Amino acid sequence: MADGIPAISAGGFLSRTAAFLILTVCALLEAGGDALARKGMHAATSTGRLALYICAAAVLFAYGWLVNRPPWSFGSLLGVYVVLFFVVAQLLGVLVFGDRVTLPILAGGSLIVAGGLVITLWR
């Protein structure tokens, strides 16, 4: 038990599916918190800016708490996480900010995915 909250997994074991889902939520929280901070920087009013910054801080805290909560070696899952973060960040960029996915982003993204596979699958 940490923080007075029961463990996320039973007996210190976390299934691959559960780990993947938690990492996906973490990527959503981290990229979402960054997006809220970015929105805050461009808010029209001080009140709006402050509200977005507070929301960004809360979301980024939730990310930090969740990513450190499970009984895992985060370093061993870093490859999967980096790929998930890249994909989520690109989706948010397109859907929230109207960013375009360019050829250099696709080329670099393919290297990120390849690196994630090497880190994850090389035994």
PDB file of N, CA and C in Angstrom:
ATOM      1  N   MET A   1       0.852  -1.175   0.000  1.00  0.00           N
ATOM      2  CA  MET A   1       0.000   0.000   0.000  1.00  0.00           C
ATOM      3  C   MET A   1       0.899   1.240   0.000  1.00  0.00           C
ATOM      4  N   ALA A   2       0.637   2.129  -0.926  1.00  0.00           N
ATOM      5  CA  ALA A   2       1.368   3.389  -1.003  1.00  0.00           C
ATOM      6  C   ALA A   2       0.347   4.520  -0.966  1.00  0.00           C
ATOM      7  N   ASP A   3       0.704   5.610  -0.353  1.00  0.00           N
ATOM      8  CA  ASP A   3      -0.207   6.762  -0.275  1.00  0.00           C
ATOM      9  C   ASP A   3      -1.526   6.404   0.383  1.00  0.00           C
ATOM     10  N   GLY A   4      -1.561   5.313   1.157  1.00  0.00           N
ATOM     11  CA  GLY A   4      -2.803   4.878   1.780  1.00  0.00           C
ATOM     12  C   GLY A   4      -3.785   4.267   0.805  1.00  0.00           C
ATOM     13  N   ILE A   5      -3.307   3.945  -0.404  1.00  0.00           N
ATOM     14  CA  ILE A   5      -4.164   3.380  -1.447  1.00  0.00           C
ATOM     15  C   ILE A   5      -3.667   1.972  -1.750  1.00  0.00           C
ATOM     16  N   PRO A   6      -4.564   0.981  -1.850  1.00  0.00           N
ATOM     17  CA  PRO A   6      -4.147  -0.383  -2.157  1.00  0.00           C
ATOM     18  C   PRO A   6      -3.379  -0.468  -3.479  1.00  0.00           C
ATOM     19  N   ALA A   7      -2.539  -1.482  -3.598  1.00  0.00           N
ATOM     20  CA  ALA A   7      -1.713  -1.673  -4.787  1.00  0.00           C
ATOM     21  C   ALA A   7      -2.563  -1.819  -6.038  1.00  0.00           C
ATOM     22  N   ILE A   8      -1.998  -1.397  -7.167  1.00  0.00           N
ATOM     23  CA  ILE A   8      -2.670  -1.514  -8.451  1.00  0.00           C
ATOM     24  C   ILE A   8      -2.746  -2.975  -8.884  1.00  0.00           C
ATOM     25  N   SER A   9      -1.735  -3.757  -8.534  1.00  0.00           N
ATOM     26  CA  SER A   9      -1.716  -5.155  -8.954  1.00  0.00           C
ATOM     27  C   SER A   9      -1.655  -6.062  -7.740  1.00  0.00           C
ATOM     28  N   ALA A  10      -2.050  -7.287  -7.954  1.00  0.00           N
ATOM     29  CA  ALA A  10      -2.005  -8.273  -6.871  1.00  0.00           C
ATOM     30  C   ALA A  10      -0.660  -8.962  -6.871  1.00  0.00           C
ATOM     31  N   GLY A  11      -0.001  -8.992  -5.754  1.00  0.00           N
ATOM     32  CA  GLY A  11       1.254  -9.715  -5.631  1.00  0.00           C
ATOM     33  C   GLY A  11       2.410  -9.112  -6.398  1.00  0.00           C
ATOM     34  N   GLY A  12       2.344  -7.864  -6.768  1.00  0.00           N
ATOM     35  CA  GLY A  12       3.445  -7.221  -7.475  1.00  0.00           C
ATOM     36  C   GLY A  12       3.521  -7.582  -8.953  1.00  0.00           C
ATOM     37  N   PHE A  13       2.512  -8.273  -9.483  1.00  0.00           N
ATOM     38  CA  PHE A  13       2.498  -8.653 -10.899  1.00  0.00           C
ATOM     39  C   PHE A  13       1.464  -7.821 -11.633  1.00  0.00           C
ATOM     40  N   LEU A  14       1.835  -7.360 -12.799  1.00  0.00           N
ATOM     41  CA  LEU A  14       0.942  -6.562 -13.629  1.00  0.00           C
ATOM     42  C   LEU A  14       0.913  -7.206 -15.011  1.00  0.00           C
ATOM     43  N   SER A  15      -0.260  -7.545 -15.513  1.00  0.00           N
ATOM     44  CA  SER A  15      -0.346  -8.179 -16.834  1.00  0.00           C
ATOM     45  C   SER A  15       0.136  -7.208 -17.912  1.00  0.00           C
ATOM     46  N   ARG A  16       0.508  -7.741 -19.051  1.00  0.00           N
ATOM     47  CA  ARG A  16       0.947  -6.891 -20.166  1.00  0.00           C
ATOM     48  C   ARG A  16      -0.167  -5.962 -20.613  1.00  0.00           C
ATOM     49  N   THR A  17      -1.389  -6.476 -20.628  1.00  0.00           N
ATOM     50  CA  THR A  17      -2.537  -5.664 -21.041  1.00  0.00           C
ATOM     51  C   THR A  17      -2.741  -4.506 -20.075  1.00  0.00           C
ATOM     52  N   ALA A  18      -2.690  -4.794 -18.778  1.00  0.00           N
ATOM     53  CA  ALA A  18      -2.863  -3.738 -17.778  1.00  0.00           C
ATOM     54  C   ALA A  18      -1.739  -2.710 -17.885  1.00  0.00           C
ATOM     55  N   ALA A  19      -0.509  -3.181 -18.070  1.00  0.00           N
ATOM     56  CA  ALA A  19       0.626  -2.261 -18.197  1.00  0.00           C
ATOM     57  C   ALA A  19       0.452  -1.376 -19.429  1.00  0.00           C
ATOM     58  N   PHE A  20       0.033  -1.961 -20.551  1.00  0.00           N
ATOM     59  CA  PHE A  20      -0.185  -1.196 -21.779  1.00  0.00           C
ATOM     60  C   PHE A  20      -1.274  -0.153 -21.583  1.00  0.00           C
ATOM     61  N   LEU A  21      -2.372  -0.530 -20.947  1.00  0.00           N
ATOM     62  CA  LEU A  21      -3.468   0.416 -20.705  1.00  0.00           C
ATOM     63  C   LEU A  21      -3.029   1.551 -19.784  1.00  0.00           C
ATOM     64  N   ILE A  22      -2.285   1.220 -18.736  1.00  0.00           N
ATOM     65  CA  ILE A  22      -1.800   2.261 -17.819  1.00  0.00           C
ATOM     66  C   ILE A  22      -0.841   3.193 -18.550  1.00  0.00           C
ATOM     67  N   LEU A  23       0.061   2.640 -19.358  1.00  0.00           N
ATOM     68  CA  LEU A  23       0.988   3.487 -20.115  1.00  0.00           C
ATOM     69  C   LEU A  23       0.250   4.362 -21.121  1.00  0.00           C
ATOM     70  N   THR A  24      -0.822   3.840 -21.711  1.00  0.00           N
ATOM     71  CA  THR A  24      -1.620   4.643 -22.645  1.00  0.00           C
ATOM     72  C   THR A  24      -2.276   5.811 -21.920  1.00  0.00           C
ATOM     73  N   VAL A  25      -2.839   5.553 -20.743  1.00  0.00           N
ATOM     74  CA  VAL A  25      -3.441   6.630 -19.944  1.00  0.00           C
ATOM     75  C   VAL A  25      -2.359   7.636 -19.545  1.00  0.00           C
ATOM     76  N   CYS A  26      -1.183   7.148 -19.172  1.00  0.00           N
ATOM     77  CA  CYS A  26      -0.087   8.046 -18.812  1.00  0.00           C
ATOM     78  C   CYS A  26       0.299   8.944 -19.987  1.00  0.00           C
ATOM     79  N   ALA A  27       0.378   8.373 -21.181  1.00  0.00           N
ATOM     80  CA  ALA A  27       0.707   9.174 -22.366  1.00  0.00           C
ATOM     81  C   ALA A  27      -0.368  10.223 -22.614  1.00  0.00           C
ATOM     82  N   LEU A  28      -1.629   9.832 -22.449  1.00  0.00           N
ATOM     83  CA  LEU A  28      -2.730  10.796 -22.606  1.00  0.00           C
ATOM     84  C   LEU A  28      -2.634  11.915 -21.579  1.00  0.00           C
ATOM     85  N   LEU A  29      -2.315  11.560 -20.335  1.00  0.00           N
ATOM     86  CA  LEU A  29      -2.193  12.572 -19.284  1.00  0.00           C
ATOM     87  C   LEU A  29      -1.012  13.503 -19.540  1.00  0.00           C
ATOM     88  N   GLU A  30       0.148  12.931 -19.893  1.00  0.00           N
ATOM     89  CA  GLU A  30       1.327  13.782 -20.105  1.00  0.00           C
ATOM     90  C   GLU A  30       1.143  14.701 -21.304  1.00  0.00           C
ATOM     91  N   ALA A  31       0.734  14.149 -22.432  1.00  0.00           N
ATOM     92  CA  ALA A  31       0.538  14.977 -23.622  1.00  0.00           C
ATOM     93  C   ALA A  31      -0.634  15.942 -23.425  1.00  0.00           C
ATOM     94  N   GLY A  32      -1.682  15.479 -22.735  1.00  0.00           N
ATOM     95  CA  GLY A  32      -2.825  16.352 -22.458  1.00  0.00           C
ATOM     96  C   GLY A  32      -2.466  17.506 -21.535  1.00  0.00           C
ATOM     97  N   GLY A  33      -1.665  17.225 -20.522  1.00  0.00           N
ATOM     98  CA  GLY A  33      -1.206  18.292 -19.630  1.00  0.00           C
ATOM     99  C   GLY A  33      -0.364  19.320 -20.372  1.00  0.00           C
ATOM    100  N   ASP A  34       0.501  18.837 -21.259  1.00  0.00           N
ATOM    101  CA  ASP A  34       1.304  19.744 -22.087  1.00  0.00           C
ATOM    102  C   ASP A  34       0.404  20.592 -22.981  1.00  0.00           C
ATOM    103  N   ALA A  35      -0.627  19.954 -23.553  1.00  0.00           N
ATOM    104  CA  ALA A  35      -1.553  20.682 -24.428  1.00  0.00           C
ATOM    105  C   ALA A  35      -2.316  21.754 -23.648  1.00  0.00           C
ATOM    106  N   LEU A  36      -2.716  21.430 -22.421  1.00  0.00           N
ATOM    107  CA  LEU A  36      -3.408  22.434 -21.598  1.00  0.00           C
ATOM    108  C   LEU A  36      -2.492  23.619 -21.291  1.00  0.00           C
ATOM    109  N   ALA A  37      -1.228  23.345 -20.997  1.00  0.00           N
ATOM    110  CA  ALA A  37      -0.275  24.436 -20.742  1.00  0.00           C
ATOM    111  C   ALA A  37      -0.104  25.294 -21.998  1.00  0.00           C
ATOM    112  N   ARG A  38      -0.017  24.637 -23.152  1.00  0.00           N
ATOM    113  CA  ARG A  38       0.112  25.366 -24.426  1.00  0.00           C
ATOM    114  C   ARG A  38      -1.112  26.225 -24.675  1.00  0.00           C
ATOM    115  N   LYS A  39      -2.304  25.673 -24.419  1.00  0.00           N
ATOM    116  CA  LYS A  39      -3.533  26.457 -24.558  1.00  0.00           C
ATOM    117  C   LYS A  39      -3.519  27.651 -23.609  1.00  0.00           C
ATOM    118  N   GLY A  40      -3.025  27.416 -22.385  1.00  0.00           N
ATOM    119  CA  GLY A  40      -2.956  28.491 -21.399  1.00  0.00           C
ATOM    120  C   GLY A  40      -2.077  29.643 -21.852  1.00  0.00           C
ATOM    121  N   MET A  41      -0.996  29.326 -22.515  1.00  0.00           N
ATOM    122  CA  MET A  41      -0.084  30.373 -23.002  1.00  0.00           C
ATOM    123  C   MET A  41      -0.752  31.294 -24.000  1.00  0.00           C
ATOM    124  N   HIS A  42      -1.775  30.787 -24.664  1.00  0.00           N
ATOM    125  CA  HIS A  42      -2.449  31.577 -25.702  1.00  0.00           C
ATOM    126  C   HIS A  42      -3.870  31.981 -25.304  1.00  0.00           C
ATOM    127  N   ALA A  43      -4.210  31.810 -24.030  1.00  0.00           N
ATOM    128  CA  ALA A  43      -5.551  32.181 -23.570  1.00  0.00           C
ATOM    129  C   ALA A  43      -5.753  33.686 -23.677  1.00  0.00           C
ATOM    130  N   ALA A  44      -6.980  34.078 -23.946  1.00  0.00           N
ATOM    131  CA  ALA A  44      -7.291  35.496 -24.168  1.00  0.00           C
ATOM    132  C   ALA A  44      -7.307  36.318 -22.879  1.00  0.00           C
ATOM    133  N   THR A  45      -7.587  35.663 -21.743  1.00  0.00           N
ATOM    134  CA  THR A  45      -7.692  36.408 -20.486  1.00  0.00           C
ATOM    135  C   THR A  45      -6.769  35.801 -19.430  1.00  0.00           C
ATOM    136  N   SER A  46      -6.468  36.594 -18.434  1.00  0.00           N
ATOM    137  CA  SER A  46      -5.640  36.107 -17.321  1.00  0.00           C
ATOM    138  C   SER A  46      -6.351  34.996 -16.564  1.00  0.00           C
ATOM    139  N   THR A  47      -7.656  35.128 -16.401  1.00  0.00           N
ATOM    140  CA  THR A  47      -8.426  34.099 -15.698  1.00  0.00           C
ATOM    141  C   THR A  47      -8.390  32.784 -16.479  1.00  0.00           C
ATOM    142  N   GLY A  48      -8.577  32.865 -17.766  1.00  0.00           N
ATOM    143  CA  GLY A  48      -8.522  31.675 -18.610  1.00  0.00           C
ATOM    144  C   GLY A  48      -7.147  31.039 -18.581  1.00  0.00           C
ATOM    145  N   ARG A  49      -6.117  31.885 -18.635  1.00  0.00           N
ATOM    146  CA  ARG A  49      -4.737  31.405 -18.582  1.00  0.00           C
ATOM    147  C   ARG A  49      -4.482  30.670 -17.271  1.00  0.00           C
ATOM    148  N   LEU A  50      -4.884  31.290 -16.160  1.00  0.00           N
ATOM    149  CA  LEU A  50      -4.681  30.683 -14.844  1.00  0.00           C
ATOM    150  C   LEU A  50      -5.440  29.362 -14.721  1.00  0.00           C
ATOM    151  N   ALA A  51      -6.675  29.335 -15.199  1.00  0.00           N
ATOM    152  CA  ALA A  51      -7.473  28.106 -15.120  1.00  0.00           C
ATOM    153  C   ALA A  51      -6.823  26.974 -15.918  1.00  0.00           C
ATOM    154  N   LEU A  52      -6.330  27.293 -17.103  1.00  0.00           N
ATOM    155  CA  LEU A  52      -5.678  26.268 -17.920  1.00  0.00           C
ATOM    156  C   LEU A  52      -4.366  25.802 -17.288  1.00  0.00           C
ATOM    157  N   TYR A  53      -3.619  26.725 -16.697  1.00  0.00           N
ATOM    158  CA  TYR A  53      -2.375  26.338 -16.020  1.00  0.00           C
ATOM    159  C   TYR A  53      -2.656  25.437 -14.819  1.00  0.00           C
ATOM    160  N   ILE A  54      -3.693  25.740 -14.070  1.00  0.00           N
ATOM    161  CA  ILE A  54      -4.048  24.908 -12.911  1.00  0.00           C
ATOM    162  C   ILE A  54      -4.478  23.517 -13.384  1.00  0.00           C
ATOM    163  N   CYS A  55      -5.281  23.475 -14.435  1.00  0.00           N
ATOM    164  CA  CYS A  55      -5.687  22.175 -14.988  1.00  0.00           C
ATOM    165  C   CYS A  55      -4.476  21.401 -15.503  1.00  0.00           C
ATOM    166  N   ALA A  56      -3.569  22.080 -16.182  1.00  0.00           N
ATOM    167  CA  ALA A  56      -2.355  21.429 -16.692  1.00  0.00           C
ATOM    168  C   ALA A  56      -1.541  20.846 -15.540  1.00  0.00           C
ATOM    169  N   ALA A  57      -1.393  21.613 -14.470  1.00  0.00           N
ATOM    170  CA  ALA A  57      -0.632  21.132 -13.314  1.00  0.00           C
ATOM    171  C   ALA A  57      -1.284  19.902 -12.694  1.00  0.00           C
ATOM    172  N   ALA A  58      -2.604  19.913 -12.582  1.00  0.00           N
ATOM    173  CA  ALA A  58      -3.319  18.768 -12.005  1.00  0.00           C
ATOM    174  C   ALA A  58      -3.177  17.535 -12.894  1.00  0.00           C
ATOM    175  N   VAL A  59      -3.299  17.708 -14.203  1.00  0.00           N
ATOM    176  CA  VAL A  59      -3.196  16.581 -15.130  1.00  0.00           C
ATOM    177  C   VAL A  59      -1.772  16.027 -15.131  1.00  0.00           C
ATOM    178  N   LEU A  60      -0.776  16.915 -15.119  1.00  0.00           N
ATOM    179  CA  LEU A  60       0.613  16.448 -15.098  1.00  0.00           C
ATOM    180  C   LEU A  60       0.957  15.779 -13.766  1.00  0.00           C
ATOM    181  N   PHE A  61       0.369  16.243 -12.679  1.00  0.00           N
ATOM    182  CA  PHE A  61       0.555  15.548 -11.395  1.00  0.00           C
ATOM    183  C   PHE A  61      -0.054  14.151 -11.472  1.00  0.00           C
ATOM    184  N   ALA A  62      -1.245  14.042 -12.050  1.00  0.00           N
ATOM    185  CA  ALA A  62      -1.892  12.733 -12.184  1.00  0.00           C
ATOM    186  C   ALA A  62      -1.017  11.793 -13.011  1.00  0.00           C
ATOM    187  N   TYR A  63      -0.406  12.315 -14.072  1.00  0.00           N
ATOM    188  CA  TYR A  63       0.529  11.519 -14.866  1.00  0.00           C
ATOM    189  C   TYR A  63       1.687  11.025 -14.001  1.00  0.00           C
ATOM    190  N   GLY A  64       2.321  11.937 -13.281  1.00  0.00           N
ATOM    191  CA  GLY A  64       3.464  11.570 -12.450  1.00  0.00           C
ATOM    192  C   GLY A  64       3.110  10.544 -11.391  1.00  0.00           C
ATOM    193  N   TRP A  65       1.934  10.692 -10.804  1.00  0.00           N
ATOM    194  CA  TRP A  65       1.501   9.742  -9.782  1.00  0.00           C
ATOM    195  C   TRP A  65       1.253   8.374 -10.409  1.00  0.00           C
ATOM    196  N   LEU A  66       0.505   8.351 -11.535  1.00  0.00           N
ATOM    197  CA  LEU A  66       0.126   7.075 -12.142  1.00  0.00           C
ATOM    198  C   LEU A  66       1.328   6.332 -12.724  1.00  0.00           C
ATOM    199  N   VAL A  67       2.243   7.039 -13.347  1.00  0.00           N
ATOM    200  CA  VAL A  67       3.383   6.366 -13.970  1.00  0.00           C
ATOM    201  C   VAL A  67       4.320   5.764 -12.917  1.00  0.00           C
ATOM    202  N   ASN A  68       4.308   6.308 -11.713  1.00  0.00           N
ATOM    203  CA  ASN A  68       5.173   5.803 -10.649  1.00  0.00           C
ATOM    204  C   ASN A  68       4.465   4.848  -9.694  1.00  0.00           C
ATOM    205  N   ARG A  69       3.185   4.662  -9.848  1.00  0.00           N
ATOM    206  CA  ARG A  69       2.386   3.857  -8.924  1.00  0.00           C
ATOM    207  C   ARG A  69       2.525   2.346  -9.104  1.00  0.00           C
ATOM    208  N   PRO A  70       2.508   1.820 -10.340  1.00  0.00           N
ATOM    209  CA  PRO A  70       2.582   0.364 -10.517  1.00  0.00           C
ATOM    210  C   PRO A  70       3.942  -0.203 -10.105  1.00  0.00           C
ATOM    211  N   PRO A  71       3.957  -1.492  -9.781  1.00  0.00           N
ATOM    212  CA  PRO A  71       5.209  -2.147  -9.391  1.00  0.00           C
ATOM    213  C   PRO A  71       5.994  -2.602 -10.631  1.00  0.00           C
ATOM    214  N   TRP A  72       6.516  -1.645 -11.377  1.00  0.00           N
ATOM    215  CA  TRP A  72       7.244  -1.998 -12.587  1.00  0.00           C
ATOM    216  C   TRP A  72       8.571  -1.281 -12.636  1.00  0.00           C
ATOM    217  N   SER A  73       9.404  -1.779 -13.505  1.00  0.00           N
ATOM    218  CA  SER A  73      10.656  -1.104 -13.815  1.00  0.00           C
ATOM    219  C   SER A  73      10.353  -0.226 -15.022  1.00  0.00           C
ATOM    220  N   PHE A  74      10.137   1.047 -14.777  1.00  0.00           N
ATOM    221  CA  PHE A  74       9.697   1.931 -15.857  1.00  0.00           C
ATOM    222  C   PHE A  74      10.705   1.944 -16.997  1.00  0.00           C
ATOM    223  N   GLY A  75      11.992   1.831 -16.676  1.00  0.00           N
ATOM    224  CA  GLY A  75      13.013   1.823 -17.717  1.00  0.00           C
ATOM    225  C   GLY A  75      12.813   0.714 -18.725  1.00  0.00           C
ATOM    226  N   SER A  76      12.335  -0.438 -18.271  1.00  0.00           N
ATOM    227  CA  SER A  76      12.124  -1.559 -19.189  1.00  0.00           C
ATOM    228  C   SER A  76      10.908  -1.328 -20.083  1.00  0.00           C
ATOM    229  N   LEU A  77      10.029  -0.426 -19.705  1.00  0.00           N
ATOM    230  CA  LEU A  77       8.837  -0.126 -20.490  1.00  0.00           C
ATOM    231  C   LEU A  77       8.974   1.179 -21.280  1.00  0.00           C
ATOM    232  N   LEU A  78      10.140   1.781 -21.194  1.00  0.00           N
ATOM    233  CA  LEU A  78      10.343   3.088 -21.806  1.00  0.00           C
ATOM    234  C   LEU A  78      10.110   3.065 -23.315  1.00  0.00           C
ATOM    235  N   GLY A  79      10.524   1.996 -23.991  1.00  0.00           N
ATOM    236  CA  GLY A  79      10.324   1.917 -25.438  1.00  0.00           C
ATOM    237  C   GLY A  79       8.867   2.012 -25.818  1.00  0.00           C
ATOM    238  N   VAL A  80       8.031   1.250 -25.136  1.00  0.00           N
ATOM    239  CA  VAL A  80       6.597   1.287 -25.401  1.00  0.00           C
ATOM    240  C   VAL A  80       6.047   2.674 -25.081  1.00  0.00           C
ATOM    241  N   TYR A  81       6.485   3.239 -23.954  1.00  0.00           N
ATOM    242  CA  TYR A  81       5.952   4.535 -23.540  1.00  0.00           C
ATOM    243  C   TYR A  81       6.299   5.635 -24.538  1.00  0.00           C
ATOM    244  N   VAL A  82       7.525   5.655 -25.009  1.00  0.00           N
ATOM    245  CA  VAL A  82       7.937   6.704 -25.944  1.00  0.00           C
ATOM    246  C   VAL A  82       7.104   6.632 -27.228  1.00  0.00           C
ATOM    247  N   VAL A  83       6.837   5.426 -27.705  1.00  0.00           N
ATOM    248  CA  VAL A  83       5.999   5.258 -28.896  1.00  0.00           C
ATOM    249  C   VAL A  83       4.583   5.765 -28.617  1.00  0.00           C
ATOM    250  N   LEU A  84       4.004   5.357 -27.482  1.00  0.00           N
ATOM    251  CA  LEU A  84       2.657   5.807 -27.128  1.00  0.00           C
ATOM    252  C   LEU A  84       2.603   7.328 -26.998  1.00  0.00           C
ATOM    253  N   PHE A  85       3.603   7.911 -26.338  1.00  0.00           N
ATOM    254  CA  PHE A  85       3.624   9.363 -26.167  1.00  0.00           C
ATOM    255  C   PHE A  85       3.694  10.055 -27.524  1.00  0.00           C
ATOM    256  N   PHE A  86       4.553   9.565 -28.414  1.00  0.00           N
ATOM    257  CA  PHE A  86       4.675  10.169 -29.738  1.00  0.00           C
ATOM    258  C   PHE A  86       3.337  10.142 -30.468  1.00  0.00           C
ATOM    259  N   VAL A  87       2.679   8.987 -30.482  1.00  0.00           N
ATOM    260  CA  VAL A  87       1.406   8.849 -31.194  1.00  0.00           C
ATOM    261  C   VAL A  87       0.338   9.765 -30.591  1.00  0.00           C
ATOM    262  N   VAL A  88       0.230   9.768 -29.268  1.00  0.00           N
ATOM    263  CA  VAL A  88      -0.775  10.607 -28.597  1.00  0.00           C
ATOM    264  C   VAL A  88      -0.486  12.088 -28.850  1.00  0.00           C
ATOM    265  N   ALA A  89       0.785  12.481 -28.752  1.00  0.00           N
ATOM    266  CA  ALA A  89       1.139  13.892 -28.974  1.00  0.00           C
ATOM    267  C   ALA A  89       0.816  14.326 -30.399  1.00  0.00           C
ATOM    268  N   GLN A  90       1.062  13.449 -31.364  1.00  0.00           N
ATOM    269  CA  GLN A  90       0.740  13.794 -32.753  1.00  0.00           C
ATOM    270  C   GLN A  90      -0.772  13.909 -32.951  1.00  0.00           C
ATOM    271  N   LEU A  91      -1.513  12.978 -32.367  1.00  0.00           N
ATOM    272  CA  LEU A  91      -2.977  13.045 -32.473  1.00  0.00           C
ATOM    273  C   LEU A  91      -3.519  14.329 -31.850  1.00  0.00           C
ATOM    274  N   LEU A  92      -3.023  14.676 -30.676  1.00  0.00           N
ATOM    275  CA  LEU A  92      -3.475  15.924 -30.042  1.00  0.00           C
ATOM    276  C   LEU A  92      -3.085  17.135 -30.886  1.00  0.00           C
ATOM    277  N   GLY A  93      -1.880  17.108 -31.434  1.00  0.00           N
ATOM    278  CA  GLY A  93      -1.447  18.219 -32.284  1.00  0.00           C
ATOM    279  C   GLY A  93      -2.381  18.430 -33.461  1.00  0.00           C
ATOM    280  N   VAL A  94      -2.774  17.343 -34.098  1.00  0.00           N
ATOM    281  CA  VAL A  94      -3.669  17.426 -35.256  1.00  0.00           C
ATOM    282  C   VAL A  94      -5.079  17.818 -34.826  1.00  0.00           C
ATOM    283  N   LEU A  95      -5.613  17.128 -33.803  1.00  0.00           N
ATOM    284  CA  LEU A  95      -7.013  17.328 -33.415  1.00  0.00           C
ATOM    285  C   LEU A  95      -7.261  18.612 -32.639  1.00  0.00           C
ATOM    286  N   VAL A  96      -6.314  19.010 -31.789  1.00  0.00           N
ATOM    287  CA  VAL A  96      -6.537  20.176 -30.923  1.00  0.00           C
ATOM    288  C   VAL A  96      -5.948  21.454 -31.510  1.00  0.00           C
ATOM    289  N   PHE A  97      -4.773  21.331 -32.127  1.00  0.00           N
ATOM    290  CA  PHE A  97      -4.073  22.535 -32.585  1.00  0.00           C
ATOM    291  C   PHE A  97      -4.049  22.690 -34.100  1.00  0.00           C
ATOM    292  N   GLY A  98      -4.591  21.723 -34.824  1.00  0.00           N
ATOM    293  CA  GLY A  98      -4.609  21.818 -36.278  1.00  0.00           C
ATOM    294  C   GLY A  98      -3.247  21.642 -36.920  1.00  0.00           C
ATOM    295  N   ASP A  99      -2.313  21.004 -36.218  1.00  0.00           N
ATOM    296  CA  ASP A  99      -0.981  20.763 -36.772  1.00  0.00           C
ATOM    297  C   ASP A  99      -1.082  19.794 -37.948  1.00  0.00           C
ATOM    298  N   ARG A 100      -0.109  19.895 -38.837  1.00  0.00           N
ATOM    299  CA  ARG A 100      -0.029  18.960 -39.949  1.00  0.00           C
ATOM    300  C   ARG A 100       1.078  17.956 -39.669  1.00  0.00           C
ATOM    301  N   VAL A 101       0.835  16.709 -40.017  1.00  0.00           N
ATOM    302  CA  VAL A 101       1.872  15.685 -39.894  1.00  0.00           C
ATOM    303  C   VAL A 101       2.655  15.695 -41.200  1.00  0.00           C
ATOM    304  N   THR A 102       3.903  16.119 -41.110  1.00  0.00           N
ATOM    305  CA  THR A 102       4.743  16.266 -42.290  1.00  0.00           C
ATOM    306  C   THR A 102       5.595  15.015 -42.507  1.00  0.00           C
ATOM    307  N   LEU A 103       6.242  14.970 -43.656  1.00  0.00           N
ATOM    308  CA  LEU A 103       7.117  13.851 -43.976  1.00  0.00           C
ATOM    309  C   LEU A 103       8.245  13.691 -42.943  1.00  0.00           C
ATOM    310  N   PRO A 104       8.896  14.783 -42.506  1.00  0.00           N
ATOM    311  CA  PRO A 104       9.932  14.617 -41.474  1.00  0.00           C
ATOM    312  C   PRO A 104       9.373  14.039 -40.165  1.00  0.00           C
ATOM    313  N   ILE A 105       8.146  14.406 -39.803  1.00  0.00           N
ATOM    314  CA  ILE A 105       7.537  13.849 -38.584  1.00  0.00           C
ATOM    315  C   ILE A 105       7.264  12.365 -38.785  1.00  0.00           C
ATOM    316  N   LEU A 106       6.783  11.988 -39.958  1.00  0.00           N
ATOM    317  CA  LEU A 106       6.540  10.575 -40.239  1.00  0.00           C
ATOM    318  C   LEU A 106       7.849   9.784 -40.250  1.00  0.00           C
ATOM    319  N   ALA A 107       8.887  10.361 -40.849  1.00  0.00           N
ATOM    320  CA  ALA A 107      10.181   9.672 -40.890  1.00  0.00           C
ATOM    321  C   ALA A 107      10.750   9.521 -39.482  1.00  0.00           C
ATOM    322  N   GLY A 108      10.746  10.605 -38.722  1.00  0.00           N
ATOM    323  CA  GLY A 108      11.226  10.526 -37.344  1.00  0.00           C
ATOM    324  C   GLY A 108      10.371   9.620 -36.493  1.00  0.00           C
ATOM    325  N   GLY A 109       9.056   9.675 -36.708  1.00  0.00           N
ATOM    326  CA  GLY A 109       8.149   8.811 -35.972  1.00  0.00           C
ATOM    327  C   GLY A 109       8.405   7.340 -36.251  1.00  0.00           C
ATOM    328  N   SER A 110       8.736   7.021 -37.493  1.00  0.00           N
ATOM    329  CA  SER A 110       9.044   5.620 -37.808  1.00  0.00           C
ATOM    330  C   SER A 110      10.308   5.178 -37.079  1.00  0.00           C
ATOM    331  N   LEU A 111      11.264   6.081 -36.914  1.00  0.00           N
ATOM    332  CA  LEU A 111      12.473   5.753 -36.139  1.00  0.00           C
ATOM    333  C   LEU A 111      12.132   5.568 -34.659  1.00  0.00           C
ATOM    334  N   ILE A 112      11.231   6.392 -34.151  1.00  0.00           N
ATOM    335  CA  ILE A 112      10.793   6.251 -32.757  1.00  0.00           C
ATOM    336  C   ILE A 112      10.120   4.895 -32.552  1.00  0.00           C
ATOM    337  N   VAL A 113       9.235   4.531 -33.470  1.00  0.00           N
ATOM    338  CA  VAL A 113       8.556   3.237 -33.370  1.00  0.00           C
ATOM    339  C   VAL A 113       9.570   2.097 -33.477  1.00  0.00           C
ATOM    340  N   ALA A 114      10.498   2.202 -34.413  1.00  0.00           N
ATOM    341  CA  ALA A 114      11.526   1.161 -34.554  1.00  0.00           C
ATOM    342  C   ALA A 114      12.361   1.053 -33.283  1.00  0.00           C
ATOM    343  N   GLY A 115      12.743   2.190 -32.708  1.00  0.00           N
ATOM    344  CA  GLY A 115      13.506   2.172 -31.459  1.00  0.00           C
ATOM    345  C   GLY A 115      12.712   1.575 -30.312  1.00  0.00           C
ATOM    346  N   GLY A 116      11.433   1.900 -30.258  1.00  0.00           N
ATOM    347  CA  GLY A 116      10.579   1.330 -29.220  1.00  0.00           C
ATOM    348  C   GLY A 116      10.487  -0.179 -29.333  1.00  0.00           C
ATOM    349  N   LEU A 117      10.405  -0.667 -30.581  1.00  0.00           N
ATOM    350  CA  LEU A 117      10.367  -2.120 -30.787  1.00  0.00           C
ATOM    351  C   LEU A 117      11.685  -2.776 -30.374  1.00  0.00           C
ATOM    352  N   VAL A 118      12.804  -2.140 -30.686  1.00  0.00           N
ATOM    353  CA  VAL A 118      14.104  -2.688 -30.285  1.00  0.00           C
ATOM    354  C   VAL A 118      14.193  -2.757 -28.770  1.00  0.00           C
ATOM    355  N   ILE A 119      13.860  -1.682 -28.098  1.00  0.00           N
ATOM    356  CA  ILE A 119      13.934  -1.661 -26.630  1.00  0.00           C
ATOM    357  C   ILE A 119      13.008  -2.698 -26.014  1.00  0.00           C
ATOM    358  N   THR A 120      11.820  -2.839 -26.578  1.00  0.00           N
ATOM    359  CA  THR A 120      10.809  -3.733 -26.012  1.00  0.00           C
ATOM    360  C   THR A 120      11.071  -5.211 -26.309  1.00  0.00           C
ATOM    361  N   LEU A 121      11.482  -5.509 -27.532  1.00  0.00           N
ATOM    362  CA  LEU A 121      11.533  -6.907 -27.955  1.00  0.00           C
ATOM    363  C   LEU A 121      12.919  -7.558 -27.879  1.00  0.00           C
ATOM    364  N   TRP A 122      13.974  -6.760 -27.850  1.00  0.00           N
ATOM    365  CA  TRP A 122      15.319  -7.333 -27.824  1.00  0.00           C
ATOM    366  C   TRP A 122      15.570  -7.981 -26.474  1.00  0.00           C
ATOM    367  N   ARG A 123      15.809  -9.234 -26.469  1.00  0.00           N
ATOM    368  CA  ARG A 123      16.045  -9.961 -25.205  1.00  0.00           C
ATOM    369  C   ARG A 123      17.409 -10.557 -25.194  1.00  0.00           C
TER     370      ARG A 123
END
